[in-house]
């Protein structure tokens, strides 16, 4: 048991060191990217630092498998050079038993990542997108899905408009049973429009079978209400912006994702992308275990056998191959070409089985 704790502590220490290193490197790269995006706009250095800090967690979360495979290589290369693995084998412990501690640490890291780190990444990613849009356009739009339907806010130089709809079509360009609530710059209501449907066209919403109430300078809004077969309402939104509002599942905490998926489907949108993301997140601990096994399969040899550089290169190539195949399969799942469970779980399971086969062949074959 002491040996297990020793290996686990060494692996956790290497992980922490690489986390810090990649956070610094990623922060510097993100700062350059943020400066490039906001170069034409009047944004201060503090705002750039804030955006950079908000983007770092999401970047580290994406490269978590890379950090794990590199940590595994560093751990086992160090153990091989110090002959600690030789001593462990001489004491009667097999190579697979020496892997128990790193595998458990990687699995626990995956559980912590989806249980605690995922909500943090979701919050920071959402705040980053909102601030970036605000700094670029001066106003930010927001969209949410609730039991009452869709809620959308669009901003302009003249005020804000809140839009509520019962449901929408799949591409987010047509809302049904829709209400527009307009507010001036001082926050007072300026108009209300209710329509049977509203279609988003370039530069405006076109409401069908609409009724309009104006409030500014009018004593009896109902008496002076007007009806229209078609009514044009100016808008700076696009269909892509609306779809992106609930098309980025990484901006939703995993604990809220199942409820959000059901609401999204009730509103008329396809939630397949969110379902694939949810299952992929659940499979993350297994993916990290696969990275540990792949790294160990090529680096548990003693350094006196030579070809260490070749083995490290092969481990990295195999790990990157698994990682990119996982991303490719996820895209196929989002497009509906593969079942959701197969798209999310096939690659991690295959990676674990392939790495175990390599370990058994190299150690006991």
Protein backbone atom coordinates (compact mmCIF):
# COMPACT_ATOMS: atom_id res chain seq x y z
CA UNK A 1 0.00 0.00 0.00
CA UNK A 2 2.89 2.37 0.77
CA UNK A 3 4.25 1.85 -2.73
CA UNK A 4 0.85 2.68 -4.23
CA UNK A 5 0.72 5.95 -2.29
CA UNK A 6 4.28 6.73 -3.36
CA UNK A 7 3.47 6.29 -7.06
CA UNK A 8 0.21 8.22 -6.68
CA UNK A 9 1.98 11.12 -4.94
CA UNK A 10 4.68 11.31 -7.59
CA UNK A 11 2.09 11.23 -10.39
CA UNK A 12 -0.04 13.92 -8.72
CA UNK A 13 3.05 16.12 -8.27
CA UNK A 14 3.97 15.84 -11.95
CA UNK A 15 0.37 16.60 -12.92
CA UNK A 16 0.32 19.72 -10.76
CA UNK A 17 3.59 20.95 -12.22
CA UNK A 18 2.45 20.49 -15.81
CA UNK A 19 -0.91 22.12 -14.99
CA UNK A 20 0.91 25.21 -13.82
CA UNK A 21 3.28 25.24 -16.80
CA UNK A 22 0.50 24.89 -19.37
CA UNK A 23 -1.63 27.50 -17.57
CA UNK A 24 1.20 30.05 -17.93
CA UNK A 25 1.86 29.17 -21.58
CA UNK A 26 -1.81 29.13 -22.45
CA UNK A 27 -2.33 32.45 -20.69
CA UNK A 28 0.40 34.11 -22.75
CA UNK A 29 -1.00 32.72 -26.00
CA UNK A 30 -4.54 33.71 -25.05
CA UNK A 31 -3.43 37.25 -24.22
CA UNK A 32 -1.97 37.62 -27.70
CA UNK A 33 -5.20 36.25 -29.22
CA UNK A 34 -7.39 38.59 -27.15
CA UNK A 35 -5.25 41.60 -28.09
CA UNK A 36 -5.57 40.61 -31.76
CA UNK A 37 -9.36 40.33 -31.52
CA UNK A 38 -9.81 43.60 -29.63
CA UNK A 39 -7.09 45.56 -31.42
CA UNK A 40 -9.49 47.83 -33.36
CA UNK A 41 -11.54 48.59 -30.23
CA UNK A 42 -10.83 50.87 -27.27
CA UNK A 43 -10.25 48.28 -24.57
CA UNK A 44 -7.92 48.72 -21.61
CA UNK A 45 -5.21 46.36 -20.41
CA UNK A 46 -7.25 45.32 -17.34
CA UNK A 47 -10.11 44.20 -19.58
CA UNK A 48 -7.64 42.18 -21.66
CA UNK A 49 -6.27 40.53 -18.53
CA UNK A 50 -9.81 39.70 -17.39
CA UNK A 51 -10.69 38.11 -20.72
CA UNK A 52 -7.43 36.15 -20.69
CA UNK A 53 -8.11 34.85 -17.17
CA UNK A 54 -11.62 33.81 -18.19
CA UNK A 55 -10.33 31.88 -21.21
CA UNK A 56 -7.53 29.95 -19.49
CA UNK A 57 -9.77 27.36 -17.68
CA UNK A 58 -11.49 26.37 -20.92
CA UNK A 59 -8.19 25.92 -22.74
CA UNK A 60 -6.67 23.81 -19.96
CA UNK A 61 -9.83 21.71 -19.81
CA UNK A 62 -9.60 20.93 -23.52
CA UNK A 63 -5.97 19.77 -23.36
CA UNK A 64 -6.45 17.71 -20.19
CA UNK A 65 -5.70 14.40 -22.01
CA UNK A 66 -2.46 15.91 -23.33
CA UNK A 67 -1.42 16.93 -19.80
CA UNK A 68 -2.15 13.43 -18.52
CA UNK A 69 -0.16 11.65 -21.25
CA UNK A 70 2.82 13.97 -20.73
CA UNK A 71 2.63 13.47 -16.96
CA UNK A 72 2.60 9.70 -17.46
CA UNK A 73 5.67 9.85 -19.69
CA UNK A 74 7.54 12.03 -17.20
CA UNK A 75 6.57 9.74 -14.30
CA UNK A 76 7.59 6.42 -15.83
CA UNK A 77 10.72 7.74 -17.51
CA UNK A 78 11.82 9.03 -14.11
CA UNK A 79 10.99 5.74 -12.42
CA UNK A 80 12.87 3.84 -15.13
CA UNK A 81 15.99 6.00 -14.84
CA UNK A 82 16.06 5.66 -11.06
CA UNK A 83 15.51 1.87 -11.36
CA UNK A 84 12.49 2.11 -9.05
CA UNK A 85 10.45 0.03 -11.49
CA UNK A 86 13.17 -2.62 -11.43
CA UNK A 87 12.97 -2.72 -7.64
CA UNK A 88 9.18 -2.94 -7.79
CA UNK A 89 9.38 -5.87 -10.21
CA UNK A 90 12.05 -7.56 -8.07
CA UNK A 91 9.74 -7.37 -5.08
CA UNK A 92 7.23 -9.49 -6.96
CA UNK A 93 4.91 -6.77 -8.26
CA UNK A 94 3.91 -6.98 -11.90
CA UNK A 95 3.87 -3.98 -14.22
CA UNK A 96 0.08 -3.91 -14.20
CA UNK A 97 -0.01 -3.67 -10.40
CA UNK A 98 2.41 -0.73 -10.56
CA UNK A 99 -0.12 1.02 -12.78
CA UNK A 100 -2.95 0.86 -10.26
CA UNK A 101 -2.02 4.09 -8.46
CA UNK A 102 -1.56 6.29 -11.59
CA UNK A 103 -4.76 4.88 -13.11
CA UNK A 104 -6.74 5.68 -9.96
CA UNK A 105 -5.28 9.20 -9.85
CA UNK A 106 -6.19 9.76 -13.52
CA UNK A 107 -9.71 8.42 -12.98
CA UNK A 108 -10.23 10.63 -9.93
CA UNK A 109 -8.89 13.60 -11.88
CA UNK A 110 -11.50 12.90 -14.57
CA UNK A 111 -14.27 12.69 -11.98
CA UNK A 112 -13.15 15.96 -10.38
CA UNK A 113 -12.88 17.55 -13.82
CA UNK A 114 -16.47 16.80 -14.81
CA UNK A 115 -17.88 17.38 -11.33
CA UNK A 116 -16.11 20.58 -10.29
CA UNK A 117 -13.92 21.92 -13.09
CA UNK A 118 -16.64 21.61 -15.75
CA UNK A 119 -19.02 24.10 -14.05
CA UNK A 120 -16.14 26.54 -13.59
CA UNK A 121 -15.23 26.27 -17.27
CA UNK A 122 -18.89 26.70 -18.25
CA UNK A 123 -19.21 29.88 -16.18
CA UNK A 124 -15.93 31.41 -17.38
CA UNK A 125 -16.60 30.52 -21.04
CA UNK A 126 -20.03 32.10 -20.92
CA UNK A 127 -18.71 35.24 -19.25
CA UNK A 128 -15.88 35.44 -21.78
CA UNK A 129 -18.26 35.28 -24.75
CA UNK A 130 -20.55 37.91 -23.25
CA UNK A 131 -17.71 40.33 -22.46
CA UNK A 132 -16.08 39.83 -25.84
CA UNK A 133 -19.38 40.57 -27.60
CA UNK A 134 -19.94 43.60 -25.39
CA UNK A 135 -16.48 45.06 -26.07
CA UNK A 136 -16.86 44.48 -29.80
CA UNK A 137 -20.44 45.67 -30.29
CA UNK A 138 -21.02 47.85 -27.23
CA UNK A 139 -24.09 45.74 -26.39
CA UNK A 140 -24.49 42.05 -25.70
CA UNK A 141 -27.32 39.72 -26.62
CA UNK A 142 -28.41 36.92 -24.32
CA UNK A 143 -30.51 33.82 -24.77
CA UNK A 144 -31.94 31.33 -22.30
CA UNK A 145 -34.35 28.42 -22.37
CA UNK A 146 -36.86 27.85 -19.55
CA UNK A 147 -40.12 26.05 -18.96
CA UNK A 148 -41.94 29.15 -20.25
CA UNK A 149 -40.11 28.94 -23.58
CA UNK A 150 -37.28 30.88 -25.19
CA UNK A 151 -36.04 34.19 -23.85
CA UNK A 152 -33.83 36.37 -26.02
CA UNK A 153 -32.43 39.86 -25.47
CA UNK A 154 -31.07 42.05 -28.24
CA UNK A 155 -29.45 45.42 -27.72
CA UNK A 156 -28.96 48.53 -29.82
CA UNK A 157 -28.07 52.20 -29.41
CA UNK A 158 -31.72 53.06 -28.75
CA UNK A 159 -32.41 50.48 -26.03
CA UNK A 160 -33.08 46.82 -25.36
CA UNK A 161 -35.67 44.39 -26.69
CA UNK A 162 -36.69 41.25 -24.83
CA UNK A 163 -38.17 38.47 -26.96
CA UNK A 164 -40.13 35.53 -25.62
CA UNK A 165 -41.37 32.64 -27.75
CA UNK A 166 -43.06 29.35 -27.01
CA UNK A 167 -40.96 27.45 -29.54
CA UNK A 168 -38.80 27.91 -32.64
CA UNK A 169 -37.79 26.07 -35.77
CA UNK A 170 -34.62 23.99 -35.90
CA UNK A 171 -32.33 26.69 -37.25
CA UNK A 172 -33.54 29.41 -34.86
CA UNK A 173 -34.75 31.82 -37.55
CA UNK A 174 -38.50 31.57 -36.88
CA UNK A 175 -40.23 31.92 -33.51
CA UNK A 176 -43.84 31.01 -32.74
CA UNK A 177 -46.28 32.60 -30.28
CA UNK A 178 -43.76 35.40 -29.82
CA UNK A 179 -43.77 38.59 -27.72
CA UNK A 180 -41.45 41.59 -28.15
CA UNK A 181 -40.95 43.94 -25.19
CA UNK A 182 -39.05 47.14 -25.97
CA UNK A 183 -37.24 49.26 -23.36
CA UNK A 184 -35.62 52.66 -23.79
CA UNK A 185 -32.16 53.65 -22.62
CA UNK A 186 -33.67 54.79 -19.31
CA UNK A 187 -35.19 51.34 -18.72
CA UNK A 188 -38.82 52.38 -19.20
CA UNK A 189 -41.03 50.23 -21.50
CA UNK A 190 -41.60 51.72 -24.94
CA UNK A 191 -43.62 49.09 -26.82
CA UNK A 192 -45.07 45.60 -26.73
CA UNK A 193 -45.74 43.41 -29.75
CA UNK A 194 -47.46 40.03 -29.77
CA UNK A 195 -47.42 37.94 -32.92
CA UNK A 196 -48.41 34.50 -34.08
CA UNK A 197 -44.90 34.04 -35.51
CA UNK A 198 -41.80 36.06 -36.30
CA UNK A 199 -39.17 35.33 -38.92
CA UNK A 200 -35.62 36.63 -38.68
CA UNK A 201 -34.43 38.26 -41.90
CA UNK A 202 -31.24 40.28 -42.48
CA UNK A 203 -31.59 43.40 -40.33
CA UNK A 204 -35.06 42.80 -38.92
CA UNK A 205 -37.68 40.49 -37.50
CA UNK A 206 -40.84 40.17 -39.61
CA UNK A 207 -43.79 39.49 -37.31
CA UNK A 208 -46.95 37.90 -38.77
CA UNK A 209 -50.47 38.55 -37.45
CA UNK A 210 -49.07 41.01 -34.92
CA UNK A 211 -50.60 43.46 -32.45
CA UNK A 212 -48.61 46.47 -31.25
CA UNK A 213 -48.96 48.59 -28.12
CA UNK A 214 -46.99 51.84 -27.77
CA UNK A 215 -46.44 53.31 -24.29
CA UNK A 216 -44.48 56.55 -24.65
CA UNK A 217 -46.73 59.60 -24.36
CA UNK A 218 -49.91 57.49 -24.60
CA UNK A 219 -52.54 57.41 -21.84
CA UNK A 220 -54.53 54.39 -23.05
CA UNK A 221 -52.24 51.94 -24.87
CA UNK A 222 -55.00 49.39 -25.48
CA UNK A 223 -57.24 51.95 -27.12
CA UNK A 224 -54.54 53.00 -29.55
CA UNK A 225 -53.21 49.50 -30.21
CA UNK A 226 -52.81 48.50 -33.85
CA UNK A 227 -52.84 45.17 -35.67
CA UNK A 228 -50.68 44.22 -38.65
CA UNK A 229 -50.61 41.34 -41.05
CA UNK A 230 -46.83 41.89 -41.17
CA UNK A 231 -44.72 44.11 -38.95
CA UNK A 232 -41.01 44.77 -39.34
CA UNK A 233 -38.90 45.10 -36.16
CA UNK A 234 -35.28 46.16 -36.53
CA UNK A 235 -32.67 43.72 -35.24
CA UNK A 236 -28.90 43.27 -35.37
CA UNK A 237 -29.13 39.54 -34.66
CA UNK A 238 -28.33 36.77 -37.11
CA UNK A 239 -29.42 33.16 -37.20
CA UNK A 240 -25.87 32.03 -36.39
CA UNK A 241 -25.81 34.18 -33.24
CA UNK A 242 -29.09 32.70 -32.05
CA UNK A 243 -27.96 29.14 -32.70
CA UNK A 244 -24.64 29.83 -31.01
CA UNK A 245 -26.57 31.10 -27.98
CA UNK A 246 -27.61 27.57 -27.12
CA UNK A 247 -25.37 25.71 -29.53
CA UNK A 248 -22.30 25.66 -27.26
CA UNK A 249 -22.84 22.90 -24.68
CA UNK A 250 -19.48 23.60 -23.04
CA UNK A 251 -21.01 26.84 -21.68
CA UNK A 252 -23.58 24.84 -19.67
CA UNK A 253 -22.62 23.09 -16.39
CA UNK A 254 -22.89 19.33 -16.70
CA UNK A 255 -25.32 19.16 -13.76
CA UNK A 256 -27.77 21.41 -15.63
CA UNK A 257 -27.27 19.81 -19.04
CA UNK A 258 -29.96 17.05 -18.88
CA UNK A 259 -32.65 19.57 -17.93
CA UNK A 260 -31.41 22.00 -20.55
CA UNK A 261 -31.54 19.28 -23.20
CA UNK A 262 -35.19 18.51 -22.41
CA UNK A 263 -36.10 22.21 -22.52
CA UNK A 264 -34.25 22.69 -25.78
CA UNK A 265 -36.13 19.82 -27.41
CA UNK A 266 -39.44 21.12 -26.06
CA UNK A 267 -38.64 24.48 -27.66
CA UNK A 268 -38.23 22.78 -31.04
CA UNK A 269 -34.44 22.74 -31.34
CA UNK A 270 -32.24 19.71 -31.90
CA UNK A 271 -30.27 18.81 -28.77
CA UNK A 272 -28.14 16.11 -30.37
CA UNK A 273 -24.96 18.14 -30.03
CA UNK A 274 -25.66 18.61 -26.32
CA UNK A 275 -26.38 14.90 -25.85
CA UNK A 276 -23.08 13.93 -27.48
CA UNK A 277 -21.22 16.48 -25.33
CA UNK A 278 -22.89 15.18 -22.17
CA UNK A 279 -21.90 11.57 -22.88
CA UNK A 280 -18.40 12.65 -23.92
CA UNK A 281 -17.97 14.41 -20.59
CA UNK A 282 -19.12 11.30 -18.72
CA UNK A 283 -16.53 9.29 -20.65
CA UNK A 284 -13.70 11.73 -19.78
CA UNK A 285 -12.38 9.70 -16.77
CA UNK A 286 -12.05 6.65 -19.03
CA UNK A 287 -10.29 8.76 -21.65
CA UNK A 288 -7.73 9.91 -19.07
CA UNK A 289 -7.19 6.31 -17.96
CA UNK A 290 -6.52 5.41 -21.60
CA UNK A 291 -3.87 8.15 -21.77
CA UNK A 292 -2.12 6.75 -18.69
CA UNK A 293 -2.13 3.20 -20.07
CA UNK A 294 -0.82 4.34 -23.46
CA UNK A 295 2.01 6.29 -21.88
CA UNK A 296 2.92 3.43 -19.58
CA UNK A 297 2.87 0.85 -22.36
CA UNK A 298 5.83 2.52 -24.09
CA UNK A 299 7.85 3.88 -21.17
CA UNK A 300 7.87 1.20 -18.47
CA UNK A 301 10.97 -0.34 -20.05
CA UNK A 302 14.32 0.29 -18.40
CA UNK A 303 16.42 2.96 -20.07
CA UNK A 304 19.31 0.51 -20.62
CA UNK A 305 17.25 -1.11 -23.39
CA UNK A 306 17.68 2.11 -25.38
CA UNK A 307 15.36 3.63 -28.00
CA UNK A 308 13.74 5.81 -25.32
CA UNK A 309 13.16 8.67 -27.75
CA UNK A 310 11.48 6.35 -30.24
CA UNK A 311 9.21 4.93 -27.54
CA UNK A 312 8.22 8.39 -26.31
CA UNK A 313 7.46 9.47 -29.88
CA UNK A 314 5.33 6.37 -30.47
CA UNK A 315 3.43 6.98 -27.22
CA UNK A 316 2.70 10.60 -28.18
CA UNK A 317 1.67 9.62 -31.71
CA UNK A 318 -0.70 6.98 -30.40
CA UNK A 319 -2.16 9.34 -27.79
CA UNK A 320 -2.68 12.11 -30.35
CA UNK A 321 -4.20 9.58 -32.72
CA UNK A 322 -6.71 8.47 -30.09
CA UNK A 323 -7.47 12.09 -29.23
CA UNK A 324 -8.11 13.17 -32.82
CA UNK A 325 -10.10 10.03 -33.61
CA UNK A 326 -12.27 10.83 -30.57
CA UNK A 327 -12.88 14.35 -31.89
CA UNK A 328 -13.69 13.02 -35.38
CA UNK A 329 -16.12 10.43 -34.03
CA UNK A 330 -17.79 13.11 -31.86
CA UNK A 331 -18.36 15.24 -34.97
CA UNK A 332 -19.95 12.25 -36.69
CA UNK A 333 -22.19 11.81 -33.66
CA UNK A 334 -23.20 15.48 -33.68
CA UNK A 335 -24.09 15.20 -37.37
CA UNK A 336 -26.27 12.17 -36.71
CA UNK A 337 -24.08 9.70 -38.59
CA UNK A 338 -23.31 7.69 -35.44
CA UNK A 339 -25.40 6.87 -32.36
CA UNK A 340 -24.74 9.18 -29.41
CA UNK A 341 -23.39 6.50 -27.06
CA UNK A 342 -21.12 5.03 -29.73
CA UNK A 343 -19.72 8.46 -30.61
CA UNK A 344 -18.92 9.27 -26.98
CA UNK A 345 -17.72 5.94 -25.56
CA UNK A 346 -16.21 3.97 -28.46
CA UNK A 347 -12.86 5.79 -28.58
CA UNK A 348 -12.07 5.77 -24.82
CA UNK A 349 -12.99 2.09 -24.52
CA UNK A 350 -10.94 1.23 -27.61
CA UNK A 351 -8.00 3.21 -26.25
CA UNK A 352 -8.07 1.37 -22.93
CA UNK A 353 -8.30 -2.06 -24.58
CA UNK A 354 -5.56 -1.27 -27.10
CA UNK A 355 -3.22 0.01 -24.37
CA UNK A 356 -3.90 -3.03 -22.18
CA UNK A 357 -3.10 -5.28 -25.12
CA UNK A 358 0.21 -3.49 -25.65
CA UNK A 359 1.05 -3.74 -21.94
CA UNK A 360 0.33 -7.44 -21.80
CA UNK A 361 2.35 -8.06 -24.96
CA UNK A 362 5.38 -6.03 -23.84
CA UNK A 363 5.43 -7.08 -20.19
CA UNK A 364 4.13 -10.64 -20.21
CA UNK A 365 4.26 -11.59 -23.88
